[in-house]
Amino acid sequence: MSNLKNCRLFLLDMDGTIYLGDRALPGAVDFVNYLQATGRRYIYLTNNSSRSGTDYVARLRNKGFPCEKEDVFTSGMATALYLKERFPGAGIYPVGTGAFCRELESYGLQLTDSDPRAVCLGFDRELTYEKLEKAVRFLRRGAAFIAANPDLVCPMPDDEVLPDCGSICALLTAATGREPVYIGKPHPRMVDIISKQTGISNDLIAVLGDRLYTDIALAKNAGAVSVCLLSGETTREMLDASPLKPDYVFLNVAELHQALI
């Protein structure tokens, strides 16, 4: 446990890790309070781009979690930074929720549905056929294909799931032959940005999550400590069959809390 106990910053995935749907998972709020009480930093890190950073602050507080604006970093925020760097001043066509679009605009991006330089996808729970039709048209005309995250599903209570950004991208790939550039987990960009902002090196950062192909792969790609929690998407069977092995595995965040104590 020494590598994990030495970590100074914990990056906490949200969906399937500290809550499911509208319910905080048992022991999750106590765990975050424990990190705070022991002088460890924490940042809520999510691939879910359907909400803005400020939306997440309110959402987390409503569930009882301590949270300030600087404690949240989403794939939507990382995507906005990427688009601002790669396509300065260019028109962007978004396929995402209203909150996702407002997040992009808050970084100074110009959103358009007329001859965009890039099509940008997020987890869109407000998806319409019209959005898909326009995205296919623009991608076939050569617009760049950018996506916030590769998650295929979003876990929900009672073993239910919602189609996530990766599933929408698969539809567009089938229609256009184009593959997206994914910005969120497992790309190490999110950890690297946080490391630079906090001054904490990647090897002293722990990434907690329930998905092997995003959360655990992110930690491996960034040289951080990886912690898989079996409270969301990943099962023991999936873990046993996967060539990607996390540094630590716990049933849930409550079990992790007890192990740290």
Protein backbone atom coordinates (compact mmCIF):
# COMPACT_ATOMS: atom_id res chain seq x y z
CA MET A 1 0.00 0.00 0.00
CA SER A 2 3.00 2.34 0.26
CA ASN A 3 2.70 3.77 -3.27
CA LEU A 4 -0.97 4.55 -2.73
CA LYS A 5 -0.51 5.98 0.77
CA ASN A 6 2.26 8.27 -0.51
CA CYS A 7 0.00 9.87 -3.14
CA ARG A 8 -0.64 13.56 -2.52
CA LEU A 9 -3.44 14.02 -5.05
CA PHE A 10 -6.42 11.75 -5.74
CA LEU A 11 -8.27 12.12 -9.05
CA LEU A 12 -11.78 10.85 -8.44
CA ASP A 13 -13.89 9.55 -11.28
CA MET A 14 -17.55 10.22 -10.54
CA ASP A 15 -20.08 8.02 -12.39
CA GLY A 16 -19.71 4.48 -11.05
CA THR A 17 -16.97 5.44 -8.60
CA ILE A 18 -18.36 7.84 -5.99
CA TYR A 19 -21.98 7.87 -7.14
CA LEU A 20 -24.45 6.10 -9.42
CA GLY A 21 -27.15 8.21 -11.02
CA ASP A 22 -28.51 10.48 -8.31
CA ARG A 23 -27.16 8.41 -5.39
CA ALA A 24 -23.82 8.84 -3.65
CA LEU A 25 -22.26 5.42 -3.13
CA PRO A 26 -21.97 4.25 0.50
CA GLY A 27 -18.90 5.70 2.21
CA ALA A 28 -17.95 8.00 -0.68
CA VAL A 29 -18.57 11.30 1.13
CA ASP A 30 -16.70 10.00 4.19
CA PHE A 31 -13.76 9.06 1.97
CA VAL A 32 -13.47 12.53 0.44
CA ASN A 33 -13.71 14.09 3.90
CA TYR A 34 -10.92 11.74 5.00
CA LEU A 35 -8.69 12.92 2.14
CA GLN A 36 -9.32 16.51 3.15
CA ALA A 37 -8.68 15.81 6.86
CA THR A 38 -5.36 14.08 6.11
CA GLY A 39 -4.05 16.93 3.94
CA ARG A 40 -4.40 15.19 0.58
CA ARG A 41 -5.64 17.04 -2.50
CA TYR A 42 -8.54 15.72 -4.54
CA ILE A 43 -10.06 16.64 -7.88
CA TYR A 44 -13.26 15.21 -9.29
CA LEU A 45 -12.29 14.02 -12.76
CA THR A 46 -14.95 12.92 -15.20
CA ASN A 47 -15.31 11.95 -18.82
CA ASN A 48 -18.98 12.93 -18.65
CA SER A 49 -19.21 16.10 -20.73
CA SER A 50 -23.01 16.43 -20.57
CA ARG A 51 -22.65 18.90 -17.68
CA SER A 52 -20.40 21.93 -17.21
CA GLY A 53 -17.84 22.28 -14.44
CA THR A 54 -20.11 24.63 -12.48
CA ASP A 55 -23.00 22.17 -12.88
CA TYR A 56 -20.84 19.49 -11.27
CA VAL A 57 -19.96 21.72 -8.32
CA ALA A 58 -23.65 22.11 -7.51
CA ARG A 59 -24.38 18.43 -8.21
CA LEU A 60 -21.61 17.21 -5.91
CA ARG A 61 -22.53 19.60 -3.12
CA ASN A 62 -26.15 18.44 -3.32
CA LYS A 63 -24.95 14.87 -2.74
CA GLY A 64 -22.99 15.97 0.33
CA PHE A 65 -19.50 16.11 -1.18
CA PRO A 66 -17.16 19.01 -0.39
CA CYS A 67 -16.47 20.78 -3.68
CA GLU A 68 -15.17 24.12 -4.97
CA LYS A 69 -14.85 25.23 -8.59
CA GLU A 70 -11.16 24.31 -8.72
CA ASP A 71 -11.95 20.77 -7.52
CA VAL A 72 -13.63 19.74 -10.81
CA PHE A 73 -12.06 18.94 -14.19
CA THR A 74 -14.18 17.46 -16.97
CA SER A 75 -13.47 16.07 -20.43
CA GLY A 76 -15.53 18.99 -21.75
CA MET A 77 -13.12 21.45 -20.17
CA ALA A 78 -10.11 19.54 -21.55
CA THR A 79 -11.74 19.43 -24.99
CA ALA A 80 -12.35 23.18 -24.95
CA LEU A 81 -8.67 23.78 -24.15
CA TYR A 82 -7.65 21.46 -27.01
CA LEU A 83 -9.96 23.15 -29.54
CA LYS A 84 -8.81 26.60 -28.46
CA GLU A 85 -5.19 25.55 -29.02
CA ARG A 86 -5.68 23.70 -32.32
CA PHE A 87 -8.44 25.74 -33.98
CA PRO A 88 -8.10 29.34 -32.76
CA GLY A 89 -10.88 31.53 -34.09
CA ALA A 90 -12.39 28.71 -36.17
CA GLY A 91 -16.02 27.65 -36.24
CA ILE A 92 -16.89 24.50 -34.26
CA TYR A 93 -20.03 22.39 -34.73
CA PRO A 94 -20.97 20.81 -31.39
CA VAL A 95 -22.96 17.63 -30.85
CA GLY A 96 -23.68 17.86 -27.16
CA THR A 97 -25.97 19.16 -24.46
CA GLY A 98 -26.68 22.81 -23.88
CA ALA A 99 -24.32 22.70 -20.90
CA PHE A 100 -21.54 21.26 -23.10
CA CYS A 101 -22.03 24.04 -25.64
CA ARG A 102 -21.96 26.70 -22.92
CA GLU A 103 -18.73 25.17 -21.58
CA LEU A 104 -17.11 25.45 -25.02
CA GLU A 105 -18.29 29.04 -25.40
CA SER A 106 -16.93 29.95 -21.97
CA TYR A 107 -13.44 29.27 -23.37
CA GLY A 108 -14.04 31.69 -26.25
CA LEU A 109 -14.85 29.10 -28.92
CA GLN A 110 -17.11 30.07 -31.83
CA LEU A 111 -19.93 27.57 -32.33
CA THR A 112 -21.55 27.32 -35.76
CA ASP A 113 -23.58 25.02 -37.99
CA SER A 114 -22.23 26.63 -41.17
CA ASP A 115 -19.00 25.25 -42.66
CA PRO A 116 -17.21 24.43 -39.35
CA ARG A 117 -13.52 23.52 -39.14
CA ALA A 118 -14.29 20.79 -36.61
CA VAL A 119 -17.17 18.65 -35.40
CA CYS A 120 -16.97 18.18 -31.62
CA LEU A 121 -18.90 15.47 -29.77
CA GLY A 122 -19.75 15.06 -26.13
CA PHE A 123 -22.05 12.80 -24.13
CA ASP A 124 -25.30 14.12 -25.60
CA ARG A 125 -28.47 13.26 -23.69
CA GLU A 126 -30.26 15.80 -25.92
CA LEU A 127 -29.25 14.08 -29.17
CA THR A 128 -31.45 14.55 -32.24
CA TYR A 129 -31.34 13.11 -35.73
CA GLU A 130 -30.82 16.61 -37.09
CA LYS A 131 -27.55 16.90 -35.15
CA LEU A 132 -26.35 13.56 -36.53
CA GLU A 133 -27.33 14.53 -40.08
CA LYS A 134 -25.34 17.77 -39.91
CA ALA A 135 -22.35 16.08 -38.28
CA VAL A 136 -22.21 13.46 -41.05
CA ARG A 137 -22.41 16.18 -43.71
CA PHE A 138 -19.58 18.22 -42.18
CA LEU A 139 -17.35 15.20 -41.55
CA ARG A 140 -17.78 14.02 -45.15
CA ARG A 141 -16.69 17.51 -46.26
CA GLY A 142 -13.46 17.25 -44.29
CA ALA A 143 -14.13 18.83 -40.91
CA ALA A 144 -11.91 17.55 -38.08
CA PHE A 145 -13.56 14.93 -35.85
CA ILE A 146 -13.00 15.65 -32.14
CA ALA A 147 -14.69 13.86 -29.24
CA ALA A 148 -14.63 14.52 -25.51
CA ASN A 149 -14.45 10.88 -24.40
CA PRO A 150 -14.51 7.28 -25.70
CA ASP A 151 -16.88 5.83 -23.06
CA LEU A 152 -19.39 3.52 -24.71
CA VAL A 153 -21.90 3.61 -21.87
CA CYS A 154 -22.69 5.63 -18.75
CA PRO A 155 -23.48 3.38 -15.75
CA MET A 156 -26.76 3.90 -13.95
CA PRO A 157 -28.43 2.38 -10.88
CA ASP A 158 -30.00 -1.10 -11.03
CA ASP A 159 -27.44 -2.34 -13.56
CA GLU A 160 -28.75 -0.04 -16.31
CA VAL A 161 -26.61 1.98 -18.77
CA LEU A 162 -27.00 4.91 -21.15
CA PRO A 163 -25.27 5.16 -24.56
CA ASP A 164 -22.33 7.50 -24.09
CA CYS A 165 -20.12 9.58 -26.39
CA GLY A 166 -18.16 6.60 -27.74
CA SER A 167 -21.36 4.95 -28.96
CA ILE A 168 -22.46 8.12 -30.76
CA CYS A 169 -19.00 8.35 -32.34
CA ALA A 170 -19.30 4.73 -33.52
CA LEU A 171 -22.48 5.65 -35.36
CA LEU A 172 -20.78 8.59 -37.08
CA THR A 173 -17.73 6.48 -37.93
CA ALA A 174 -20.00 3.88 -39.54
CA ALA A 175 -21.68 6.64 -41.59
CA THR A 176 -18.53 8.52 -42.65
CA GLY A 177 -15.51 6.21 -42.30
CA ARG A 178 -13.91 8.86 -40.06
CA GLU A 179 -12.37 8.10 -36.66
CA PRO A 180 -12.42 10.74 -33.91
CA VAL A 181 -9.56 12.18 -31.89
CA TYR A 182 -10.52 11.57 -28.26
CA ILE A 183 -9.45 14.19 -25.70
CA GLY A 184 -10.56 12.83 -22.31
CA LYS A 185 -9.48 9.67 -20.53
CA PRO A 186 -7.42 7.62 -21.33
CA HIS A 187 -5.36 10.38 -22.99
CA PRO A 188 -2.77 11.57 -20.41
CA ARG A 189 -3.50 15.21 -21.27
CA MET A 190 -5.96 15.61 -18.37
CA VAL A 191 -3.45 14.39 -15.76
CA ASP A 192 -0.64 16.43 -17.27
CA ILE A 193 -2.71 19.63 -17.10
CA ILE A 194 -3.62 18.97 -13.46
CA SER A 195 -0.01 18.13 -12.56
CA LYS A 196 1.16 21.42 -14.05
CA GLN A 197 -1.55 23.39 -12.25
CA THR A 198 -0.96 21.79 -8.83
CA GLY A 199 2.80 21.24 -8.95
CA ILE A 200 2.30 17.56 -7.97
CA SER A 201 4.20 15.08 -10.14
CA ASN A 202 2.29 12.31 -11.92
CA ASP A 203 3.86 9.54 -9.82
CA LEU A 204 2.31 11.08 -6.67
CA ILE A 205 -1.16 11.17 -8.25
CA ALA A 206 -3.70 8.36 -7.83
CA VAL A 207 -6.44 7.87 -10.42
CA LEU A 208 -9.58 6.20 -9.03
CA GLY A 209 -12.17 4.79 -11.39
CA ASP A 210 -14.45 1.95 -12.41
CA ARG A 211 -13.40 1.55 -16.05
CA LEU A 212 -10.32 -0.23 -17.32
CA TYR A 213 -10.20 1.35 -20.79
CA THR A 214 -10.54 4.94 -19.53
CA ASP A 215 -9.65 5.39 -15.85
CA ILE A 216 -7.00 2.68 -15.47
CA ALA A 217 -5.57 3.25 -18.96
CA LEU A 218 -5.33 6.97 -18.13
CA ALA A 219 -3.28 6.25 -15.02
CA LYS A 220 -0.98 3.89 -16.93
CA ASN A 221 -0.53 6.35 -19.81
CA ALA A 222 0.24 9.22 -17.43
CA GLY A 223 2.57 7.31 -15.08
CA ALA A 224 0.15 7.70 -12.15
CA VAL A 225 -1.04 5.15 -9.56
CA SER A 226 -4.10 3.25 -10.79
CA VAL A 227 -6.98 2.18 -8.51
CA CYS A 228 -9.89 0.18 -9.92
CA LEU A 229 -13.18 0.14 -8.00
CA LEU A 230 -15.68 -2.62 -8.81
CA SER A 231 -18.69 -0.41 -8.10
CA GLY A 232 -19.46 0.57 -11.69
CA GLU A 233 -18.72 -0.93 -15.09
CA THR A 234 -15.82 -3.30 -14.41
CA THR A 235 -16.53 -6.75 -12.95
CA ARG A 236 -14.12 -9.36 -11.58
CA GLU A 237 -14.59 -11.35 -14.77
CA MET A 238 -13.68 -8.36 -16.94
CA LEU A 239 -10.66 -7.66 -14.75
CA ASP A 240 -9.42 -11.25 -14.96
CA ALA A 241 -9.78 -11.27 -18.75
CA SER A 242 -8.09 -7.90 -19.32
CA PRO A 243 -4.37 -7.58 -20.13
CA LEU A 244 -4.52 -4.14 -18.49
CA LYS A 245 -4.09 -4.60 -14.76
CA PRO A 246 -4.53 -1.81 -12.19
CA ASP A 247 -2.07 -1.29 -9.35
CA TYR A 248 -4.85 -1.71 -6.77
CA VAL A 249 -8.37 -3.18 -6.81
CA PHE A 250 -11.15 -2.58 -4.28
CA LEU A 251 -14.81 -3.49 -4.20
CA ASN A 252 -15.78 0.13 -3.60
CA VAL A 253 -14.52 3.41 -2.22
CA ALA A 254 -15.51 2.43 1.33
CA GLU A 255 -13.14 -0.56 1.18
CA LEU A 256 -10.40 1.70 -0.18
CA HIS A 257 -10.99 4.10 2.71
CA GLN A 258 -10.50 1.33 5.26
CA ALA A 259 -7.34 0.14 3.51
CA LEU A 260 -5.81 3.63 3.66
CA ILE A 261 -6.60 3.92 7.34
